[in-house]
Amino acid sequence: MPPRPSRRQGGWADDTPKEKKKGERLRVENDKPKDEDNDILVIPDLEEVQEEDMATQIAAPPSVQVNRVATYKELDSYYQKHSALFSLDGDIDLKLLSNVLSPESEVFEEDKAWDWNRLFTEIASELQTEWDKADEKSEESEKT
């Protein structure tokens, strides 16, 4: 049987005694070079800064392409003039689909400005009503 080593080495172990390591751990490192630049940054005075008159400068308008969406009136008149549009690729008949399209008068809604507080209150109220109904149903089912 080989002799057993007196001290286990490996991993974190090294040849220095523990007392030396303990002091090393708490030592503050003053070896780091300090910033030797003693330059003081100067903030320019307002008179030195050129005043830019933003009122005379006009920004270029954004160059965004917007695809215009046809209105119901335009689509109605277009479909009435071009009956060939009621088929897709010559094989698919779209007459059934065009017959169930709602007229503009049925789907038209007046534009209303949204008020965040009012909208939030309405949605919260509707959700609370739904939750109350669900709670009532679950209580009724538990009773039976």
C-alpha atoms as a PDB file:
ATOM      1  CA  MET A   1       0.000   0.000   0.000  1.00  0.00           C
ATOM      2  CA  PRO A   2       1.429   3.404  -1.003  1.00  0.00           C
ATOM      3  CA  PRO A   3       2.051   5.944   1.745  1.00  0.00           C
ATOM      4  CA  ARG A   4      -0.726   8.455   2.313  1.00  0.00           C
ATOM      5  CA  PRO A   5       0.211  12.076   1.630  1.00  0.00           C
ATOM      6  CA  SER A   6       0.323  14.204   4.748  1.00  0.00           C
ATOM      7  CA  ARG A   7      -1.470  17.134   3.152  1.00  0.00           C
ATOM      8  CA  ARG A   8      -4.061  17.159   0.392  1.00  0.00           C
ATOM      9  CA  GLN A   9      -3.251  19.599  -2.447  1.00  0.00           C
ATOM     10  CA  GLY A  10      -5.311  20.673  -5.410  1.00  0.00           C
ATOM     11  CA  GLY A  11      -8.128  22.992  -6.274  1.00  0.00           C
ATOM     12  CA  TRP A  12      -7.843  26.051  -4.065  1.00  0.00           C
ATOM     13  CA  ALA A  13      -4.954  24.747  -2.027  1.00  0.00           C
ATOM     14  CA  ASP A  14      -1.488  26.202  -2.423  1.00  0.00           C
ATOM     15  CA  ASP A  15       1.719  26.308  -0.398  1.00  0.00           C
ATOM     16  CA  THR A  16       1.063  29.556   1.540  1.00  0.00           C
ATOM     17  CA  PRO A  17      -0.163  29.381   5.133  1.00  0.00           C
ATOM     18  CA  LYS A  18      -3.747  30.399   5.953  1.00  0.00           C
ATOM     19  CA  GLU A  19      -2.749  33.298   8.212  1.00  0.00           C
ATOM     20  CA  LYS A  20      -1.106  35.112   5.322  1.00  0.00           C
ATOM     21  CA  LYS A  21      -4.161  34.573   3.095  1.00  0.00           C
ATOM     22  CA  LYS A  22      -6.548  35.982   5.701  1.00  0.00           C
ATOM     23  CA  GLY A  23      -4.670  39.266   5.902  1.00  0.00           C
ATOM     24  CA  GLU A  24      -4.373  39.450   2.142  1.00  0.00           C
ATOM     25  CA  ARG A  25      -8.091  39.187   1.708  1.00  0.00           C
ATOM     26  CA  LEU A  26      -8.812  42.241   3.864  1.00  0.00           C
ATOM     27  CA  ARG A  27      -5.991  44.390   2.466  1.00  0.00           C
ATOM     28  CA  VAL A  28      -6.977  47.540   0.561  1.00  0.00           C
ATOM     29  CA  GLU A  29      -5.343  47.732  -2.817  1.00  0.00           C
ATOM     30  CA  ASN A  30      -3.489  51.020  -3.089  1.00  0.00           C
ATOM     31  CA  ASP A  31      -1.378  49.755  -5.978  1.00  0.00           C
ATOM     32  CA  LYS A  32      -3.860  51.007  -8.533  1.00  0.00           C
ATOM     33  CA  PRO A  33      -2.635  54.066 -10.408  1.00  0.00           C
ATOM     34  CA  LYS A  34      -4.594  57.150  -9.534  1.00  0.00           C
ATOM     35  CA  ASP A  35      -5.916  59.487 -12.167  1.00  0.00           C
ATOM     36  CA  GLU A  36      -2.961  61.764 -12.717  1.00  0.00           C
ATOM     37  CA  ASP A  37      -4.902  64.165 -14.928  1.00  0.00           C
ATOM     38  CA  ASN A  38      -5.456  67.259 -12.865  1.00  0.00           C
ATOM     39  CA  ASP A  39      -7.175  68.984 -15.760  1.00  0.00           C
ATOM     40  CA  ILE A  40     -10.311  70.841 -14.798  1.00  0.00           C
ATOM     41  CA  LEU A  41     -13.063  70.666 -17.338  1.00  0.00           C
ATOM     42  CA  VAL A  42     -14.307  74.060 -18.400  1.00  0.00           C
ATOM     43  CA  ILE A  43     -17.992  74.609 -19.055  1.00  0.00           C
ATOM     44  CA  PRO A  44     -18.433  77.226 -21.786  1.00  0.00           C
ATOM     45  CA  ASP A  45     -20.334  80.393 -20.999  1.00  0.00           C
ATOM     46  CA  LEU A  46     -23.658  81.012 -22.660  1.00  0.00           C
ATOM     47  CA  GLU A  47     -22.179  83.894 -24.673  1.00  0.00           C
ATOM     48  CA  GLU A  48     -19.650  81.540 -26.237  1.00  0.00           C
ATOM     49  CA  VAL A  49     -22.281  79.085 -27.408  1.00  0.00           C
ATOM     50  CA  GLN A  50     -23.826  79.938 -30.731  1.00  0.00           C
ATOM     51  CA  GLU A  51     -27.515  80.465 -30.373  1.00  0.00           C
ATOM     52  CA  GLU A  52     -29.505  78.472 -32.857  1.00  0.00           C
ATOM     53  CA  ASP A  53     -32.798  79.954 -33.875  1.00  0.00           C
ATOM     54  CA  MET A  54     -35.018  76.902 -34.194  1.00  0.00           C
ATOM     55  CA  ALA A  55     -37.967  78.963 -35.375  1.00  0.00           C
ATOM     56  CA  THR A  56     -36.323  79.649 -38.731  1.00  0.00           C
ATOM     57  CA  GLN A  57     -35.386  76.032 -39.332  1.00  0.00           C
ATOM     58  CA  ILE A  58     -37.981  73.763 -40.887  1.00  0.00           C
ATOM     59  CA  ALA A  59     -37.666  70.016 -40.681  1.00  0.00           C
ATOM     60  CA  ALA A  60     -38.149  67.997 -43.818  1.00  0.00           C
ATOM     61  CA  PRO A  61     -41.452  66.106 -43.893  1.00  0.00           C
ATOM     62  CA  PRO A  62     -41.217  62.358 -43.365  1.00  0.00           C
ATOM     63  CA  SER A  63     -41.153  60.252 -46.474  1.00  0.00           C
ATOM     64  CA  VAL A  64     -43.626  57.519 -45.608  1.00  0.00           C
ATOM     65  CA  GLN A  65     -45.717  55.817 -48.224  1.00  0.00           C
ATOM     66  CA  VAL A  66     -49.305  55.440 -47.146  1.00  0.00           C
ATOM     67  CA  ASN A  67     -51.548  53.073 -49.018  1.00  0.00           C
ATOM     68  CA  ARG A  68     -54.936  54.657 -49.374  1.00  0.00           C
ATOM     69  CA  VAL A  69     -57.871  52.444 -48.431  1.00  0.00           C
ATOM     70  CA  ALA A  70     -60.921  52.616 -50.656  1.00  0.00           C
ATOM     71  CA  THR A  71     -64.207  53.718 -49.114  1.00  0.00           C
ATOM     72  CA  TYR A  72     -67.380  51.642 -49.265  1.00  0.00           C
ATOM     73  CA  LYS A  73     -68.898  54.026 -51.811  1.00  0.00           C
ATOM     74  CA  GLU A  74     -65.913  53.637 -54.105  1.00  0.00           C
ATOM     75  CA  LEU A  75     -65.959  49.862 -53.749  1.00  0.00           C
ATOM     76  CA  ASP A  76     -69.720  49.659 -54.385  1.00  0.00           C
ATOM     77  CA  SER A  77     -69.513  51.707 -57.556  1.00  0.00           C
ATOM     78  CA  TYR A  78     -66.418  49.822 -58.703  1.00  0.00           C
ATOM     79  CA  TYR A  79     -68.001  46.394 -58.167  1.00  0.00           C
ATOM     80  CA  GLN A  80     -71.167  47.431 -59.965  1.00  0.00           C
ATOM     81  CA  LYS A  81     -69.157  48.534 -62.994  1.00  0.00           C
ATOM     82  CA  HIS A  82     -66.854  45.527 -63.054  1.00  0.00           C
ATOM     83  CA  SER A  83     -68.806  42.329 -62.661  1.00  0.00           C
ATOM     84  CA  ALA A  84     -65.685  40.368 -63.622  1.00  0.00           C
ATOM     85  CA  LEU A  85     -64.375  40.989 -60.101  1.00  0.00           C
ATOM     86  CA  PHE A  86     -66.897  38.515 -58.731  1.00  0.00           C
ATOM     87  CA  SER A  87     -64.596  35.655 -59.661  1.00  0.00           C
ATOM     88  CA  LEU A  88     -61.091  34.987 -58.439  1.00  0.00           C
ATOM     89  CA  ASP A  89     -58.629  33.506 -60.926  1.00  0.00           C
ATOM     90  CA  GLY A  90     -61.584  32.701 -63.146  1.00  0.00           C
ATOM     91  CA  ASP A  91     -62.356  29.612 -61.044  1.00  0.00           C
ATOM     92  CA  ILE A  92     -63.612  30.833 -57.667  1.00  0.00           C
ATOM     93  CA  ASP A  93     -67.012  32.519 -57.562  1.00  0.00           C
ATOM     94  CA  LEU A  94     -67.085  35.466 -55.135  1.00  0.00           C
ATOM     95  CA  LYS A  95     -70.766  36.321 -55.655  1.00  0.00           C
ATOM     96  CA  LEU A  96     -71.764  34.587 -52.411  1.00  0.00           C
ATOM     97  CA  LEU A  97     -69.210  36.618 -50.494  1.00  0.00           C
ATOM     98  CA  SER A  98     -70.214  39.883 -52.123  1.00  0.00           C
ATOM     99  CA  ASN A  99     -73.891  39.198 -51.364  1.00  0.00           C
ATOM    100  CA  VAL A 100     -73.263  39.039 -47.609  1.00  0.00           C
ATOM    101  CA  LEU A 101     -71.117  42.159 -47.410  1.00  0.00           C
ATOM    102  CA  SER A 102     -72.810  44.717 -45.194  1.00  0.00           C
ATOM    103  CA  PRO A 103     -73.664  48.066 -46.724  1.00  0.00           C
ATOM    104  CA  GLU A 104     -71.848  51.139 -45.470  1.00  0.00           C
ATOM    105  CA  SER A 105     -74.916  52.472 -43.664  1.00  0.00           C
ATOM    106  CA  GLU A 106     -74.966  49.397 -41.386  1.00  0.00           C
ATOM    107  CA  VAL A 107     -71.300  49.458 -40.427  1.00  0.00           C
ATOM    108  CA  PHE A 108     -70.672  53.207 -40.304  1.00  0.00           C
ATOM    109  CA  GLU A 109     -69.796  54.530 -36.862  1.00  0.00           C
ATOM    110  CA  GLU A 110     -69.293  58.132 -35.989  1.00  0.00           C
ATOM    111  CA  ASP A 111     -65.742  58.951 -34.948  1.00  0.00           C
ATOM    112  CA  LYS A 112     -65.488  59.708 -31.255  1.00  0.00           C
ATOM    113  CA  ALA A 113     -62.491  60.995 -29.372  1.00  0.00           C
ATOM    114  CA  TRP A 114     -61.323  58.560 -26.721  1.00  0.00           C
ATOM    115  CA  ASP A 115     -60.889  59.778 -23.192  1.00  0.00           C
ATOM    116  CA  TRP A 116     -58.467  57.514 -21.344  1.00  0.00           C
ATOM    117  CA  ASN A 117     -60.199  57.765 -17.959  1.00  0.00           C
ATOM    118  CA  ARG A 118     -63.656  57.125 -19.395  1.00  0.00           C
ATOM    119  CA  LEU A 119     -62.461  54.227 -21.553  1.00  0.00           C
ATOM    120  CA  PHE A 120     -60.615  52.636 -18.627  1.00  0.00           C
ATOM    121  CA  THR A 121     -63.673  52.989 -16.389  1.00  0.00           C
ATOM    122  CA  GLU A 122     -65.992  51.417 -18.985  1.00  0.00           C
ATOM    123  CA  ILE A 123     -63.711  48.443 -19.568  1.00  0.00           C
ATOM    124  CA  ALA A 124     -63.125  47.900 -15.844  1.00  0.00           C
ATOM    125  CA  SER A 125     -66.878  48.035 -15.235  1.00  0.00           C
ATOM    126  CA  GLU A 126     -67.607  45.493 -17.978  1.00  0.00           C
ATOM    127  CA  LEU A 127     -64.914  43.145 -16.687  1.00  0.00           C
ATOM    128  CA  GLN A 128     -66.217  43.417 -13.131  1.00  0.00           C
ATOM    129  CA  THR A 129     -69.751  42.624 -14.347  1.00  0.00           C
ATOM    130  CA  GLU A 130     -68.492  39.535 -16.189  1.00  0.00           C
ATOM    131  CA  TRP A 131     -66.529  38.382 -13.137  1.00  0.00           C
ATOM    132  CA  ASP A 132     -69.553  38.871 -10.882  1.00  0.00           C
ATOM    133  CA  LYS A 133     -71.718  36.780 -13.223  1.00  0.00           C
ATOM    134  CA  ALA A 134     -69.080  34.045 -13.310  1.00  0.00           C
ATOM    135  CA  ASP A 135     -68.876  34.076  -9.495  1.00  0.00           C
ATOM    136  CA  GLU A 136     -72.666  33.788  -9.207  1.00  0.00           C
ATOM    137  CA  LYS A 137     -72.701  30.818 -11.584  1.00  0.00           C
ATOM    138  CA  SER A 138     -69.919  29.079  -9.684  1.00  0.00           C
ATOM    139  CA  GLU A 139     -71.727  29.666  -6.360  1.00  0.00           C
ATOM    140  CA  GLU A 140     -74.968  28.245  -7.810  1.00  0.00           C
ATOM    141  CA  SER A 141     -73.166  25.180  -9.114  1.00  0.00           C
ATOM    142  CA  GLU A 142     -71.542  24.631  -5.699  1.00  0.00           C
ATOM    143  CA  LYS A 143     -74.948  24.746  -3.973  1.00  0.00           C
ATOM    144  CA  THR A 144     -76.368  21.989  -6.148  1.00  0.00           C
END
